[in-house]
């Protein structure tokens, strides 16, 4: 009896330690956007979900584009279980040289929460530069301009508004059916002296930040992929793309190269979905809709850019005529066992944004 009692005590002490060790090897549980509901996992192998990104209004406005509402209403006909979003949900802080206006940013988030609840299913977001960066005035000799800068205060407000637990990072993951969904934060504040890509310059001379993923997040991501080899599919979503239509939009090169190599190691990493470019782009594809994908395909995941949920549209490069589209859209994913089919749903050209 004494031996049995001792064994019971040992088991009680050990099991929590084992559980804790497993949790440390994975991304934290990703929180849904407030007001969109909770997702209950289901052992199904046949389900549908929707992906989109870049709905943000121009110039830090509070009102969301009409395109967002149209997408949220339209996607219901596909009966998705949830929606994944690749960032730029708000206009953010774009007033160079002025203090961050917290109250205005809160109103932007609250308006997005109200509008996106129209989806009727849980929505999960991976943050973009508009949620995480401020805009600063810079002077280089006689040249003046503005530049995006990742900002800890913006990150803190994002975590607060999204109701993340205390100490949680802006990245995370969740399971549904036979699949795992991982949100990578490509907008981290880089360490000093970090070698980074130049980024790209857009309208009015604004130089966009190229994004950054810390080694800590990369290590945890690889551990998460290793711990979830049993999943039939893994879907990764992020804001800055690894394989964009235009090279200047690419995630910081050092990070992008590392992530691409890591994803190629795991055959069950089926799709990597990004935004940042306000277009649709099927990297390496010969048409708009990606080829059907099986979990054992290998050769690296399919890379997609989906940034057409309401932000001002970009243009596709002249050489990409079959697999790139400058139009408002969203993506419908149907998971059926070990196979995934994706359809691009293009909105009518008559859809206009609110002023």
Foldseek 3Di string as FASTA:
>chain_A
DVVVVVVVVVCVVVVVVVVVVLCQLAFAAFFFFPLQDDADADQDQWFKEWEFEAQEEEDQDQDTWPLQLVCLVVCVVRVHQEYEYAAPLYQAAEDAPDDHDLVSVLSSSVNSSVRNSSNNHTYTYAYDLRQFWHKYWDDDPPDIAIETAGDPVSQVSVCVNRVPPPPHGSWGWDDHHLEIETEAHQADHDDPPDDWDQADADPRRYGYGQGHHDPVSVSSNLSNLVSSLRRLAYEYEYAQFLDDLDPSSHHTPVVSVSVQVSQLVRLRHAEYEYESAQWKFWPPDQAQWRDKDFSNPGPGYTYIYHNQSHYPWDDGPPVDDGHIGGARWMKMWIRRRRIITIDIGGDDPPRGTDD
